Protein backbone atom coordinates (compact mmCIF):
# COMPACT_ATOMS: atom_id res chain seq x y z
CA MET A 1 0.76 28.03 6.20
CA ILE A 2 0.30 24.73 4.35
CA VAL A 3 3.40 22.62 3.78
CA THR A 4 3.19 19.80 1.26
CA HIS A 5 5.74 17.02 1.17
CA ALA A 6 6.19 14.64 -1.73
CA TYR A 7 7.92 11.31 -1.58
CA ARG A 8 9.03 9.13 -4.46
CA PHE A 9 9.38 5.38 -4.05
CA ALA A 10 10.87 2.94 -6.50
CA LEU A 11 8.99 -0.29 -7.01
CA ASP A 12 10.74 -3.56 -7.70
CA PRO A 13 7.84 -5.97 -8.25
CA THR A 14 8.21 -9.64 -8.94
CA PRO A 15 6.88 -10.95 -12.28
CA GLY A 16 3.71 -12.09 -10.51
CA GLN A 17 3.24 -8.68 -8.93
CA VAL A 18 3.74 -6.98 -12.32
CA GLY A 19 0.80 -8.99 -13.65
CA ALA A 20 -1.34 -8.05 -10.67
CA LEU A 21 -0.46 -4.35 -11.05
CA LEU A 22 -1.38 -4.45 -14.75
CA ARG A 23 -4.69 -6.20 -14.01
CA HIS A 24 -5.56 -3.61 -11.35
CA ALA A 25 -4.76 -0.76 -13.73
CA GLY A 26 -6.86 -2.37 -16.46
CA ALA A 27 -9.79 -2.92 -14.10
CA ALA A 28 -9.61 0.71 -12.96
CA ARG A 29 -9.73 1.86 -16.57
CA VAL A 30 -12.71 -0.37 -17.34
CA ALA A 31 -14.57 0.99 -14.31
CA PHE A 32 -13.76 4.60 -15.26
CA ASN A 33 -14.89 4.07 -18.87
CA TRP A 34 -18.11 2.41 -17.65
CA GLY A 35 -18.84 5.41 -15.42
CA ILE A 36 -18.18 7.88 -18.24
CA ALA A 37 -20.50 5.89 -20.54
CA GLN A 38 -23.26 5.97 -17.91
CA VAL A 39 -22.97 9.74 -17.49
CA LYS A 40 -22.96 10.33 -21.26
CA ALA A 41 -26.00 8.09 -21.72
CA ASN A 42 -27.82 9.95 -18.96
CA LEU A 43 -26.99 13.34 -20.45
CA GLY A 44 -28.09 12.16 -23.89
CA GLN A 45 -31.37 10.86 -22.50
CA ARG A 46 -32.06 14.13 -20.70
CA GLU A 47 -31.26 16.13 -23.84
CA ALA A 48 -33.63 13.94 -25.89
CA GLU A 49 -36.37 14.38 -23.28
CA ARG A 50 -35.90 18.16 -23.42
CA SER A 51 -36.31 18.07 -27.21
CA TYR A 52 -39.65 16.24 -26.70
CA GLY A 53 -40.83 19.15 -24.54
CA ILE A 54 -40.73 17.34 -21.20
CA ALA A 55 -40.52 19.72 -18.24
CA GLU A 56 -37.32 19.79 -16.15
CA ASP A 57 -38.98 18.08 -13.18
CA GLY A 58 -40.07 15.20 -15.46
CA LEU A 59 -36.64 14.44 -16.89
CA THR A 60 -34.67 11.31 -16.11
CA PRO A 61 -32.96 11.92 -12.75
CA SER A 62 -29.36 13.09 -13.01
CA PHE A 63 -26.52 11.36 -11.23
CA GLY A 64 -25.50 12.58 -7.81
């Protein structure tokens, strides 16, 4: 049997820590959006190559 426990903690950051938390959240979002853009560009490129009649083994390599 698997037992999962959840804990909730309240944060009380200083004004300087609030700024750091916001910067970290913003940087994480930028990194996520960059990754999504890379995947979409790759998928678009592969789809275009398929429309040109390029064989599957000749397509731009997929991620992963």
